[in-house]
């Protein structure tokens, strides 16, 4: 039973790698095609897209350390202040 599960897992991994390689090859073929290049230039599409979620999360984390106001921003400090432990 264990051996067949291991073999199945290995075969699935091989299939996943082959599928990934196939997708990568298709993507590369599309990226170098003349039609795609023209589409990109007409719509001014950039390759340098960055997911903004990381910057938003970093701003939220950094706002916890903004001591310009009298009340702390961190939820744990707010909790301690409510309990009278932090002043």
Protein backbone atom coordinates (compact mmCIF):
# COMPACT_ATOMS: atom_id res chain seq x y z
CA UNK A 1 0.00 0.00 0.00
CA UNK A 2 2.74 2.47 0.97
CA UNK A 3 4.82 1.64 -2.10
CA UNK A 4 1.89 2.20 -4.49
CA UNK A 5 1.12 5.52 -2.79
CA UNK A 6 4.75 6.57 -3.17
CA UNK A 7 4.82 5.56 -6.84
CA UNK A 8 1.56 7.43 -7.46
CA UNK A 9 2.97 10.52 -5.74
CA UNK A 10 6.14 10.37 -7.83
CA UNK A 11 4.16 9.94 -11.05
CA UNK A 12 1.91 12.87 -10.13
CA UNK A 13 4.99 14.98 -9.42
CA UNK A 14 6.48 14.06 -12.79
CA UNK A 15 3.19 14.95 -14.49
CA UNK A 16 3.11 18.26 -12.60
CA UNK A 17 6.66 19.09 -13.70
CA UNK A 18 5.85 18.18 -17.29
CA UNK A 19 2.69 20.31 -17.19
CA UNK A 20 4.66 23.23 -15.74
CA UNK A 21 7.34 22.91 -18.40
CA UNK A 22 4.68 22.79 -21.10
CA UNK A 23 2.99 25.92 -19.75
CA UNK A 24 6.33 27.70 -19.48
CA UNK A 25 7.16 26.82 -23.09
CA UNK A 26 3.76 28.08 -24.26
CA UNK A 27 4.21 31.29 -22.29
CA UNK A 28 7.65 31.90 -23.78
CA UNK A 29 6.30 31.28 -27.29
CA UNK A 30 3.50 33.77 -26.71
CA UNK A 31 5.84 36.36 -25.19
CA UNK A 32 8.10 36.40 -28.27
CA UNK A 33 5.28 36.35 -30.84
CA UNK A 34 4.85 39.46 -32.97
CA UNK A 35 1.15 39.74 -32.15
CA UNK A 36 1.78 39.77 -28.42
CA UNK A 37 4.56 42.35 -28.76
CA UNK A 38 2.28 44.59 -30.83
CA UNK A 39 -0.57 44.17 -28.33
CA UNK A 40 1.77 45.09 -25.49
CA UNK A 41 3.03 48.21 -27.23
CA UNK A 42 -0.47 49.36 -28.29
CA UNK A 43 -1.92 49.03 -24.80
CA UNK A 44 1.28 50.16 -23.07
CA UNK A 45 1.28 47.00 -20.95
CA UNK A 46 4.25 46.62 -18.64
CA UNK A 47 6.04 43.46 -17.49
CA UNK A 48 6.87 45.04 -14.14
CA UNK A 49 3.54 44.49 -12.39
CA UNK A 50 3.91 44.29 -8.62
CA UNK A 51 1.26 42.89 -6.31
CA UNK A 52 0.35 45.80 -3.97
CA UNK A 53 -0.70 43.57 -1.06
CA UNK A 54 2.82 43.39 0.38
CA UNK A 55 3.21 47.17 0.46
CA UNK A 56 -0.22 47.59 2.04
CA UNK A 57 0.61 45.05 4.73
CA UNK A 58 3.98 46.70 5.38
CA UNK A 59 2.24 50.04 5.83
CA UNK A 60 -0.18 48.48 8.32
CA UNK A 61 2.67 46.94 10.28
CA UNK A 62 4.67 50.15 10.27
CA UNK A 63 1.66 52.17 11.43
CA UNK A 64 1.78 50.23 14.71
CA UNK A 65 5.01 52.05 15.49
CA UNK A 66 3.75 55.53 14.72
CA UNK A 67 4.17 57.32 18.04
CA UNK A 68 3.04 60.73 16.81
CA UNK A 69 -0.28 60.31 18.66
CA UNK A 70 -0.80 59.66 22.33
CA UNK A 71 -2.66 56.38 21.88
CA UNK A 72 -0.76 53.27 20.75
CA UNK A 73 -1.74 51.72 17.42
CA UNK A 74 -0.93 48.11 18.18
CA UNK A 75 -3.93 45.95 19.17
CA UNK A 76 -2.00 44.41 22.05
CA UNK A 77 -1.17 47.85 23.47
CA UNK A 78 -4.82 48.90 23.09
CA UNK A 79 -5.85 45.77 24.98
CA UNK A 80 -3.33 46.46 27.75
CA UNK A 81 -4.50 50.07 27.95
CA UNK A 82 -8.12 48.93 28.30
CA UNK A 83 -7.14 46.58 31.12
CA UNK A 84 -5.23 49.36 32.87
CA UNK A 85 -1.88 47.61 32.53
CA UNK A 86 -0.45 50.09 30.00
CA UNK A 87 -0.79 53.81 30.41
